[in-house]
N, C-alpha and C. Protein backbone atom coordinates (compact mmCIF):
# COMPACT_ATOMS: atom_id res chain seq x y z
N MET A 1 -2.02 16.46 35.42
CA MET A 1 -2.50 15.29 34.71
C MET A 1 -2.29 15.45 33.20
N VAL A 2 -2.66 16.61 32.65
CA VAL A 2 -2.50 16.86 31.22
C VAL A 2 -1.02 16.86 30.84
N THR A 3 -0.19 17.45 31.69
CA THR A 3 1.25 17.49 31.43
C THR A 3 1.84 16.08 31.42
N ALA A 4 1.39 15.24 32.34
CA ALA A 4 1.89 13.86 32.40
C ALA A 4 1.48 13.09 31.15
N LEU A 5 0.25 13.28 30.70
CA LEU A 5 -0.21 12.60 29.48
C LEU A 5 0.57 13.08 28.26
N ARG A 6 0.81 14.38 28.21
CA ARG A 6 1.57 14.94 27.09
C ARG A 6 3.01 14.42 27.11
N SER A 7 3.58 14.29 28.30
CA SER A 7 4.95 13.75 28.43
C SER A 7 5.00 12.31 27.97
N ARG A 8 4.01 11.52 28.35
CA ARG A 8 3.95 10.12 27.90
C ARG A 8 3.81 10.05 26.39
N ALA A 9 2.99 10.93 25.82
CA ALA A 9 2.80 10.97 24.37
C ALA A 9 4.10 11.35 23.68
N ALA A 10 4.84 12.28 24.26
CA ALA A 10 6.11 12.70 23.66
C ALA A 10 7.13 11.57 23.71
N VAL A 11 7.18 10.85 24.82
CA VAL A 11 8.10 9.70 24.92
C VAL A 11 7.72 8.64 23.90
N ARG A 12 6.42 8.37 23.78
CA ARG A 12 5.94 7.38 22.81
C ARG A 12 6.33 7.78 21.39
N ALA A 13 6.12 9.06 21.04
CA ALA A 13 6.48 9.55 19.71
C ALA A 13 7.98 9.44 19.48
N ALA A 14 8.77 9.78 20.49
CA ALA A 14 10.22 9.69 20.36
C ALA A 14 10.67 8.25 20.15
N LEU A 15 10.10 7.32 20.89
CA LEU A 15 10.46 5.91 20.74
C LEU A 15 10.08 5.38 19.36
N ILE A 16 8.92 5.77 18.89
CA ILE A 16 8.50 5.35 17.54
C ILE A 16 9.44 5.93 16.50
N GLY A 17 9.78 7.20 16.62
CA GLY A 17 10.70 7.83 15.68
C GLY A 17 12.07 7.19 15.69
N VAL A 18 12.61 6.91 16.87
CA VAL A 18 13.93 6.28 16.98
C VAL A 18 13.88 4.87 16.38
N TYR A 19 12.84 4.11 16.69
CA TYR A 19 12.71 2.75 16.14
C TYR A 19 12.65 2.80 14.61
N ALA A 20 11.82 3.70 14.06
CA ALA A 20 11.69 3.79 12.60
C ALA A 20 13.02 4.17 11.95
N LEU A 21 13.72 5.14 12.52
CA LEU A 21 15.02 5.53 11.97
C LEU A 21 16.05 4.41 12.10
N ALA A 22 16.02 3.69 13.21
CA ALA A 22 16.96 2.57 13.39
C ALA A 22 16.67 1.46 12.37
N ALA A 23 15.40 1.19 12.12
CA ALA A 23 15.04 0.18 11.12
C ALA A 23 15.51 0.60 9.74
N GLU A 24 15.32 1.88 9.41
CA GLU A 24 15.75 2.38 8.10
C GLU A 24 17.27 2.37 7.98
N LEU A 25 17.98 2.74 9.05
CA LEU A 25 19.44 2.72 9.02
C LEU A 25 19.96 1.29 8.87
N THR A 26 19.39 0.37 9.60
CA THR A 26 19.79 -1.04 9.52
C THR A 26 19.57 -1.56 8.11
N ARG A 27 18.42 -1.23 7.53
CA ARG A 27 18.12 -1.65 6.15
C ARG A 27 19.12 -1.05 5.17
N ALA A 28 19.41 0.24 5.32
CA ALA A 28 20.35 0.91 4.41
C ALA A 28 21.75 0.30 4.51
N LEU A 29 22.18 -0.01 5.72
CA LEU A 29 23.51 -0.62 5.89
C LEU A 29 23.55 -2.04 5.31
N ALA A 30 22.49 -2.81 5.52
CA ALA A 30 22.44 -4.18 5.01
C ALA A 30 22.42 -4.19 3.48
N MET A 31 21.85 -3.17 2.87
CA MET A 31 21.74 -3.14 1.42
C MET A 31 23.08 -2.87 0.73
N ARG A 32 24.09 -2.52 1.49
CA ARG A 32 25.41 -2.31 0.90
C ARG A 32 26.02 -3.62 0.41
N THR A 33 25.51 -4.72 0.90
CA THR A 33 25.93 -6.03 0.43
C THR A 33 24.89 -6.48 -0.60
N PRO A 34 25.27 -6.58 -1.88
CA PRO A 34 24.28 -6.85 -2.93
C PRO A 34 23.38 -8.06 -2.68
N GLU A 35 23.94 -9.15 -2.19
CA GLU A 35 23.10 -10.34 -1.99
C GLU A 35 22.14 -10.17 -0.81
N ALA A 36 22.34 -9.15 0.01
CA ALA A 36 21.45 -8.90 1.15
C ALA A 36 20.36 -7.88 0.83
N ALA A 37 20.37 -7.31 -0.36
CA ALA A 37 19.44 -6.21 -0.68
C ALA A 37 17.98 -6.62 -0.55
N VAL A 38 17.57 -7.67 -1.20
CA VAL A 38 16.16 -8.07 -1.17
C VAL A 38 15.75 -8.48 0.24
N PRO A 39 16.51 -9.36 0.93
CA PRO A 39 16.10 -9.68 2.30
C PRO A 39 16.08 -8.45 3.22
N ALA A 40 17.03 -7.54 3.04
CA ALA A 40 17.07 -6.33 3.87
C ALA A 40 15.83 -5.48 3.64
N LEU A 41 15.42 -5.35 2.39
CA LEU A 41 14.23 -4.57 2.08
C LEU A 41 12.98 -5.20 2.69
N VAL A 42 12.83 -6.50 2.51
CA VAL A 42 11.65 -7.19 3.03
C VAL A 42 11.62 -7.13 4.55
N LEU A 43 12.74 -7.50 5.19
CA LEU A 43 12.78 -7.48 6.65
C LEU A 43 12.65 -6.07 7.21
N GLY A 44 13.23 -5.09 6.52
CA GLY A 44 13.07 -3.70 6.95
C GLY A 44 11.63 -3.25 6.87
N GLY A 45 10.95 -3.64 5.80
CA GLY A 45 9.53 -3.31 5.67
C GLY A 45 8.70 -3.94 6.76
N VAL A 46 8.98 -5.22 7.05
CA VAL A 46 8.24 -5.91 8.11
C VAL A 46 8.52 -5.26 9.47
N ALA A 47 9.79 -4.91 9.72
CA ALA A 47 10.13 -4.25 10.99
C ALA A 47 9.36 -2.95 11.15
N LEU A 48 9.20 -2.19 10.06
CA LEU A 48 8.44 -0.95 10.13
C LEU A 48 6.95 -1.21 10.33
N MET A 49 6.45 -2.27 9.70
CA MET A 49 5.02 -2.61 9.85
C MET A 49 4.67 -2.92 11.31
N LEU A 50 5.63 -3.44 12.06
CA LEU A 50 5.37 -3.78 13.46
C LEU A 50 4.93 -2.58 14.28
N LEU A 51 5.32 -1.38 13.87
CA LEU A 51 4.91 -0.18 14.59
C LEU A 51 3.39 0.01 14.54
N GLY A 52 2.75 -0.61 13.58
CA GLY A 52 1.30 -0.51 13.48
C GLY A 52 0.59 -1.10 14.68
N PHE A 53 1.25 -1.99 15.40
CA PHE A 53 0.63 -2.60 16.58
C PHE A 53 0.57 -1.64 17.77
N ALA A 54 1.18 -0.47 17.65
CA ALA A 54 1.19 0.51 18.74
C ALA A 54 -0.13 1.27 18.84
N PHE A 55 -0.98 1.17 17.82
CA PHE A 55 -2.22 1.95 17.79
C PHE A 55 -3.36 1.10 17.25
N PRO A 56 -4.60 1.43 17.63
CA PRO A 56 -5.74 0.77 17.00
C PRO A 56 -5.79 1.08 15.50
N VAL A 57 -6.34 0.17 14.75
CA VAL A 57 -6.41 0.30 13.29
C VAL A 57 -7.02 1.63 12.88
N GLY A 58 -8.10 2.03 13.51
CA GLY A 58 -8.77 3.28 13.15
C GLY A 58 -7.90 4.50 13.39
N GLN A 59 -7.10 4.47 14.45
CA GLN A 59 -6.23 5.61 14.75
C GLN A 59 -5.09 5.71 13.74
N LEU A 60 -4.74 4.58 13.12
CA LEU A 60 -3.71 4.58 12.08
C LEU A 60 -4.25 5.09 10.75
N GLY A 61 -5.56 5.14 10.61
CA GLY A 61 -6.16 5.55 9.34
C GLY A 61 -6.41 4.38 8.43
N LEU A 62 -6.39 3.18 8.98
CA LEU A 62 -6.65 1.97 8.20
C LEU A 62 -8.09 1.54 8.41
N GLY A 63 -8.60 0.80 7.48
CA GLY A 63 -9.96 0.30 7.58
C GLY A 63 -10.54 0.09 6.19
N VAL A 64 -11.75 -0.43 6.15
CA VAL A 64 -12.38 -0.72 4.86
C VAL A 64 -13.56 0.19 4.56
N THR A 65 -13.89 1.09 5.47
CA THR A 65 -14.97 2.02 5.17
C THR A 65 -14.53 2.91 4.02
N ARG A 66 -15.45 3.23 3.14
CA ARG A 66 -15.17 4.08 1.98
C ARG A 66 -14.00 3.53 1.15
N LEU A 67 -13.89 2.22 1.08
CA LEU A 67 -12.75 1.59 0.40
C LEU A 67 -12.62 2.01 -1.07
N PRO A 68 -13.70 2.08 -1.85
CA PRO A 68 -13.53 2.53 -3.24
C PRO A 68 -12.90 3.93 -3.33
N VAL A 69 -13.31 4.83 -2.47
CA VAL A 69 -12.74 6.19 -2.47
C VAL A 69 -11.27 6.14 -2.09
N ARG A 70 -10.95 5.31 -1.12
CA ARG A 70 -9.55 5.17 -0.68
C ARG A 70 -8.68 4.61 -1.81
N ILE A 71 -9.20 3.65 -2.54
CA ILE A 71 -8.44 3.06 -3.65
C ILE A 71 -8.23 4.09 -4.76
N VAL A 72 -9.29 4.79 -5.13
CA VAL A 72 -9.16 5.82 -6.17
C VAL A 72 -8.19 6.90 -5.71
N GLY A 73 -8.28 7.29 -4.45
CA GLY A 73 -7.34 8.26 -3.91
C GLY A 73 -5.90 7.76 -3.98
N GLY A 74 -5.70 6.49 -3.68
CA GLY A 74 -4.36 5.91 -3.77
C GLY A 74 -3.83 5.90 -5.19
N LEU A 75 -4.69 5.59 -6.14
CA LEU A 75 -4.27 5.63 -7.55
C LEU A 75 -3.90 7.05 -7.96
N ALA A 76 -4.69 8.02 -7.51
CA ALA A 76 -4.38 9.42 -7.83
C ALA A 76 -3.06 9.85 -7.18
N LEU A 77 -2.84 9.47 -5.93
CA LEU A 77 -1.57 9.79 -5.27
C LEU A 77 -0.40 9.15 -6.01
N GLY A 78 -0.58 7.90 -6.45
CA GLY A 78 0.47 7.22 -7.20
C GLY A 78 0.83 7.97 -8.48
N VAL A 79 -0.18 8.45 -9.18
CA VAL A 79 0.05 9.22 -10.41
C VAL A 79 0.82 10.50 -10.09
N VAL A 80 0.40 11.21 -9.06
CA VAL A 80 1.08 12.46 -8.69
C VAL A 80 2.53 12.18 -8.29
N LEU A 81 2.76 11.11 -7.53
CA LEU A 81 4.12 10.78 -7.11
C LEU A 81 5.01 10.40 -8.29
N LEU A 82 4.41 9.91 -9.36
CA LEU A 82 5.18 9.51 -10.54
C LEU A 82 5.43 10.66 -11.53
N LEU A 83 4.77 11.79 -11.35
CA LEU A 83 4.92 12.89 -12.30
C LEU A 83 6.37 13.34 -12.49
N PRO A 84 7.18 13.50 -11.44
CA PRO A 84 8.57 13.91 -11.68
C PRO A 84 9.33 12.91 -12.55
N ALA A 85 9.09 11.62 -12.35
CA ALA A 85 9.78 10.61 -13.16
C ALA A 85 9.29 10.65 -14.60
N ALA A 86 8.00 10.91 -14.79
CA ALA A 86 7.44 10.98 -16.14
C ALA A 86 8.01 12.17 -16.90
N ALA A 87 8.33 13.23 -16.19
CA ALA A 87 8.87 14.43 -16.84
C ALA A 87 10.35 14.26 -17.20
N ARG A 88 11.00 13.29 -16.57
CA ARG A 88 12.42 13.05 -16.82
C ARG A 88 12.57 12.47 -18.22
N SER A 89 13.54 12.96 -18.96
CA SER A 89 13.73 12.43 -20.32
C SER A 89 14.17 10.98 -20.24
N GLY A 90 13.62 10.19 -21.10
CA GLY A 90 13.96 8.77 -21.12
C GLY A 90 13.45 8.04 -19.89
N ALA A 91 12.38 8.55 -19.28
CA ALA A 91 11.85 7.94 -18.07
C ALA A 91 11.39 6.53 -18.36
N ALA A 92 11.91 5.62 -17.61
CA ALA A 92 11.52 4.21 -17.71
C ALA A 92 11.64 3.62 -16.32
N PRO A 93 10.90 2.58 -16.04
CA PRO A 93 11.02 1.96 -14.72
C PRO A 93 12.47 1.57 -14.44
N LEU A 94 12.96 1.94 -13.28
CA LEU A 94 14.33 1.64 -12.89
C LEU A 94 14.42 0.42 -11.99
N LEU A 95 13.30 -0.01 -11.45
CA LEU A 95 13.27 -1.10 -10.49
C LEU A 95 13.26 -2.44 -11.21
N PRO A 96 14.25 -3.29 -10.94
CA PRO A 96 14.21 -4.64 -11.52
C PRO A 96 12.99 -5.39 -11.00
N ALA A 97 12.41 -6.20 -11.86
CA ALA A 97 11.18 -6.90 -11.52
C ALA A 97 11.33 -7.74 -10.25
N GLY A 98 12.50 -8.30 -10.01
CA GLY A 98 12.72 -9.13 -8.83
C GLY A 98 12.62 -8.38 -7.52
N LEU A 99 12.70 -7.07 -7.57
CA LEU A 99 12.63 -6.28 -6.35
C LEU A 99 11.23 -5.79 -6.03
N ALA A 100 10.24 -6.14 -6.85
CA ALA A 100 8.89 -5.62 -6.66
C ALA A 100 8.31 -5.99 -5.30
N LEU A 101 8.43 -7.24 -4.89
CA LEU A 101 7.89 -7.66 -3.59
C LEU A 101 8.57 -6.91 -2.46
N ALA A 102 9.89 -6.74 -2.57
CA ALA A 102 10.64 -6.01 -1.55
C ALA A 102 10.19 -4.56 -1.51
N ALA A 103 9.97 -3.94 -2.66
CA ALA A 103 9.52 -2.55 -2.72
C ALA A 103 8.14 -2.41 -2.10
N ILE A 104 7.28 -3.38 -2.31
CA ILE A 104 5.94 -3.34 -1.72
C ILE A 104 6.03 -3.42 -0.20
N ALA A 105 6.88 -4.32 0.31
CA ALA A 105 7.04 -4.46 1.77
C ALA A 105 7.55 -3.17 2.38
N VAL A 106 8.54 -2.55 1.76
CA VAL A 106 9.08 -1.29 2.29
C VAL A 106 8.04 -0.18 2.21
N SER A 107 7.32 -0.08 1.11
CA SER A 107 6.30 0.96 0.96
C SER A 107 5.24 0.86 2.04
N ILE A 108 4.73 -0.33 2.24
CA ILE A 108 3.70 -0.53 3.26
C ILE A 108 4.28 -0.25 4.65
N GLY A 109 5.48 -0.77 4.91
CA GLY A 109 6.11 -0.55 6.20
C GLY A 109 6.35 0.92 6.49
N GLU A 110 6.87 1.66 5.50
CA GLU A 110 7.13 3.08 5.72
C GLU A 110 5.85 3.86 5.97
N GLU A 111 4.79 3.53 5.26
CA GLU A 111 3.53 4.24 5.49
C GLU A 111 2.96 3.94 6.88
N ILE A 112 2.99 2.68 7.27
CA ILE A 112 2.49 2.34 8.61
C ILE A 112 3.34 3.01 9.68
N ALA A 113 4.65 3.04 9.47
CA ALA A 113 5.54 3.64 10.47
C ALA A 113 5.42 5.16 10.51
N PHE A 114 5.56 5.81 9.36
CA PHE A 114 5.66 7.28 9.35
C PHE A 114 4.31 7.98 9.31
N ARG A 115 3.41 7.58 8.40
CA ARG A 115 2.11 8.25 8.33
C ARG A 115 1.06 7.54 9.17
N GLY A 116 1.39 6.39 9.72
CA GLY A 116 0.49 5.69 10.62
C GLY A 116 0.86 5.94 12.07
N ALA A 117 1.80 5.15 12.60
CA ALA A 117 2.15 5.21 14.02
C ALA A 117 2.78 6.54 14.43
N LEU A 118 3.79 6.99 13.70
CA LEU A 118 4.45 8.24 14.08
C LEU A 118 3.49 9.42 13.96
N TYR A 119 2.73 9.47 12.89
CA TYR A 119 1.75 10.54 12.71
C TYR A 119 0.77 10.55 13.89
N ALA A 120 0.23 9.38 14.24
CA ALA A 120 -0.74 9.30 15.34
C ALA A 120 -0.11 9.75 16.66
N ALA A 121 1.14 9.33 16.90
CA ALA A 121 1.81 9.72 18.14
C ALA A 121 2.06 11.23 18.19
N LEU A 122 2.51 11.79 17.09
CA LEU A 122 2.77 13.23 17.04
C LEU A 122 1.48 14.04 17.11
N GLU A 123 0.43 13.52 16.53
CA GLU A 123 -0.86 14.22 16.58
C GLU A 123 -1.35 14.31 18.02
N GLY A 124 -1.04 13.28 18.82
CA GLY A 124 -1.42 13.30 20.23
C GLY A 124 -0.67 14.35 21.03
N ILE A 125 0.46 14.80 20.52
CA ILE A 125 1.25 15.81 21.22
C ILE A 125 0.81 17.22 20.83
N GLY A 126 0.69 17.48 19.54
CA GLY A 126 0.45 18.86 19.10
C GLY A 126 -0.52 19.00 17.96
N GLY A 127 -1.35 18.01 17.73
CA GLY A 127 -2.33 18.10 16.67
C GLY A 127 -1.75 17.87 15.28
N ALA A 128 -2.56 18.17 14.29
CA ALA A 128 -2.19 17.90 12.89
C ALA A 128 -0.92 18.62 12.44
N PRO A 129 -0.72 19.89 12.78
CA PRO A 129 0.51 20.54 12.29
C PRO A 129 1.79 19.82 12.75
N VAL A 130 1.83 19.43 14.00
CA VAL A 130 3.01 18.71 14.51
C VAL A 130 3.14 17.35 13.82
N ALA A 131 2.01 16.68 13.63
CA ALA A 131 2.03 15.37 12.99
C ALA A 131 2.49 15.46 11.53
N ILE A 132 1.99 16.44 10.80
CA ILE A 132 2.35 16.60 9.39
C ILE A 132 3.82 16.95 9.25
N VAL A 133 4.26 17.97 9.97
CA VAL A 133 5.65 18.42 9.85
C VAL A 133 6.60 17.39 10.42
N GLY A 134 6.30 16.86 11.60
CA GLY A 134 7.19 15.90 12.24
C GLY A 134 7.35 14.61 11.45
N SER A 135 6.24 14.06 10.95
CA SER A 135 6.34 12.81 10.19
C SER A 135 7.07 13.04 8.86
N THR A 136 6.87 14.21 8.26
CA THR A 136 7.56 14.53 7.01
C THR A 136 9.06 14.69 7.23
N LEU A 137 9.43 15.38 8.31
CA LEU A 137 10.87 15.57 8.60
C LEU A 137 11.57 14.25 8.89
N LEU A 138 10.95 13.40 9.73
CA LEU A 138 11.59 12.11 10.04
C LEU A 138 11.62 11.19 8.83
N TRP A 139 10.58 11.24 8.00
CA TRP A 139 10.53 10.47 6.76
C TRP A 139 11.70 10.87 5.85
N THR A 140 11.92 12.19 5.73
CA THR A 140 13.00 12.70 4.89
C THR A 140 14.36 12.31 5.48
N LEU A 141 14.51 12.43 6.79
CA LEU A 141 15.75 12.03 7.46
C LEU A 141 16.02 10.54 7.24
N ALA A 142 14.99 9.72 7.33
CA ALA A 142 15.16 8.28 7.10
C ALA A 142 15.67 8.01 5.69
N HIS A 143 15.19 8.77 4.72
CA HIS A 143 15.64 8.58 3.34
C HIS A 143 17.04 9.15 3.10
N ALA A 144 17.47 10.08 3.94
CA ALA A 144 18.83 10.61 3.82
C ALA A 144 19.86 9.52 4.10
N LEU A 145 19.43 8.47 4.78
CA LEU A 145 20.33 7.36 5.10
C LEU A 145 20.64 6.49 3.89
N SER A 146 19.77 6.54 2.88
CA SER A 146 19.94 5.61 1.75
C SER A 146 19.79 6.25 0.37
N HIS A 147 19.57 7.54 0.31
CA HIS A 147 19.36 8.20 -0.98
C HIS A 147 20.32 9.37 -1.15
N PRO A 148 20.65 9.71 -2.38
CA PRO A 148 21.53 10.86 -2.61
C PRO A 148 20.85 12.16 -2.18
N PRO A 149 21.63 13.14 -1.71
CA PRO A 149 21.07 14.40 -1.24
C PRO A 149 20.17 15.11 -2.26
N MET A 150 20.48 15.00 -3.55
CA MET A 150 19.66 15.69 -4.55
C MET A 150 18.25 15.11 -4.65
N PHE A 151 18.03 13.94 -4.11
CA PHE A 151 16.74 13.26 -4.15
C PHE A 151 15.85 13.67 -2.97
N LEU A 152 16.44 14.27 -1.94
CA LEU A 152 15.71 14.51 -0.69
C LEU A 152 14.61 15.57 -0.81
N GLY A 153 14.74 16.51 -1.72
CA GLY A 153 13.65 17.48 -1.93
C GLY A 153 12.39 16.78 -2.42
N ALA A 154 12.56 15.87 -3.36
CA ALA A 154 11.42 15.11 -3.87
C ALA A 154 10.85 14.20 -2.79
N VAL A 155 11.72 13.62 -1.95
CA VAL A 155 11.27 12.77 -0.85
C VAL A 155 10.43 13.60 0.13
N ALA A 156 10.93 14.79 0.47
CA ALA A 156 10.20 15.66 1.40
C ALA A 156 8.85 16.06 0.82
N ALA A 157 8.81 16.40 -0.46
CA ALA A 157 7.55 16.78 -1.11
C ALA A 157 6.56 15.61 -1.11
N ALA A 158 7.04 14.41 -1.41
CA ALA A 158 6.17 13.23 -1.38
C ALA A 158 5.66 12.97 0.03
N GLY A 159 6.56 13.08 1.01
CA GLY A 159 6.15 12.87 2.39
C GLY A 159 5.11 13.89 2.84
N LEU A 160 5.29 15.13 2.44
CA LEU A 160 4.33 16.16 2.79
C LEU A 160 2.97 15.89 2.13
N LEU A 161 2.99 15.52 0.86
CA LEU A 161 1.73 15.20 0.17
C LEU A 161 1.00 14.06 0.87
N LEU A 162 1.73 13.00 1.21
CA LEU A 162 1.11 11.84 1.85
C LEU A 162 0.61 12.18 3.25
N ALA A 163 1.36 13.01 3.99
CA ALA A 163 0.93 13.42 5.32
C ALA A 163 -0.30 14.32 5.25
N LEU A 164 -0.36 15.19 4.25
CA LEU A 164 -1.53 16.05 4.09
C LEU A 164 -2.78 15.22 3.75
N TRP A 165 -2.60 14.20 2.92
CA TRP A 165 -3.72 13.30 2.62
C TRP A 165 -4.18 12.61 3.91
N ARG A 166 -3.21 12.12 4.70
CA ARG A 166 -3.52 11.44 5.95
C ARG A 166 -4.34 12.35 6.86
N TRP A 167 -3.96 13.62 6.92
CA TRP A 167 -4.68 14.57 7.75
C TRP A 167 -6.07 14.89 7.18
N ALA A 168 -6.12 15.24 5.91
CA ALA A 168 -7.37 15.71 5.31
C ALA A 168 -8.41 14.61 5.23
N CYS A 169 -7.99 13.39 4.97
CA CYS A 169 -8.94 12.29 4.78
C CYS A 169 -8.98 11.31 5.94
N ARG A 170 -8.08 11.49 6.92
CA ARG A 170 -7.97 10.56 8.06
C ARG A 170 -7.78 9.13 7.53
N ASP A 171 -6.96 9.00 6.52
CA ASP A 171 -6.83 7.75 5.77
C ASP A 171 -5.38 7.41 5.54
N LEU A 172 -5.03 6.14 5.73
CA LEU A 172 -3.69 5.65 5.41
C LEU A 172 -3.71 4.68 4.23
N VAL A 173 -4.88 4.21 3.85
CA VAL A 173 -4.97 3.25 2.74
C VAL A 173 -4.49 3.89 1.44
N ALA A 174 -4.96 5.08 1.11
CA ALA A 174 -4.54 5.73 -0.14
C ALA A 174 -3.05 6.04 -0.15
N PRO A 175 -2.45 6.56 0.94
CA PRO A 175 -1.00 6.75 0.91
C PRO A 175 -0.23 5.44 0.71
N ILE A 176 -0.72 4.36 1.27
CA ILE A 176 -0.05 3.06 1.06
C ILE A 176 -0.11 2.69 -0.42
N ILE A 177 -1.28 2.80 -1.02
CA ILE A 177 -1.44 2.45 -2.43
C ILE A 177 -0.57 3.36 -3.30
N GLY A 178 -0.61 4.67 -3.05
CA GLY A 178 0.19 5.59 -3.85
C GLY A 178 1.68 5.33 -3.71
N HIS A 179 2.13 5.05 -2.48
CA HIS A 179 3.55 4.78 -2.24
C HIS A 179 3.97 3.48 -2.93
N VAL A 180 3.14 2.45 -2.85
CA VAL A 180 3.45 1.18 -3.52
C VAL A 180 3.59 1.40 -5.03
N ILE A 181 2.64 2.12 -5.61
CA ILE A 181 2.69 2.39 -7.05
C ILE A 181 3.98 3.10 -7.41
N ALA A 182 4.32 4.14 -6.65
CA ALA A 182 5.53 4.91 -6.97
C ALA A 182 6.78 4.07 -6.81
N ASP A 183 6.88 3.29 -5.74
CA ASP A 183 8.09 2.49 -5.52
C ASP A 183 8.24 1.36 -6.53
N VAL A 184 7.15 0.73 -6.89
CA VAL A 184 7.23 -0.36 -7.87
C VAL A 184 7.55 0.20 -9.26
N ALA A 185 7.00 1.35 -9.58
CA ALA A 185 7.24 1.95 -10.91
C ALA A 185 8.61 2.57 -11.04
N LEU A 186 9.20 2.96 -9.93
CA LEU A 186 10.52 3.59 -9.99
C LEU A 186 11.59 2.61 -9.63
């Protein structure tokens, strides 16, 4: 019985991971056409958000309990995620203002997909260590589809930080806020 449940959990986690990577690949390919960039980002973010329906809100780490703490935590995560850019000489926002809505959609979608649904599925297989490492690795792989290789170390570090927050606080609200801040500012 336990083996069957674990097998079902593994299949569920694999399907979520494949779906998330396929959504990210589709978005990355669509963005190669300049006029498709904004729609691709928005639709890609929405496609990733759909994974949130695979789990109850509480299991995703979403909710309004302790909301002030979650918001402050999200602001702190956003600041930490922006530190590498702040240290860069001549650091200035690189994101055109017209892409802000698209960046917000992708940020929310990626958090729901990777630190929400995928994390919850992986946690059901092997607990927090598997969820933290697995969601961070797939998150980094997803970004390898659309970012230069030299950027992937920072992506992995950000993913690990957000996954550790998800584990330590059982919260997805702060990672969403921190990711939105970082994506809109960069």
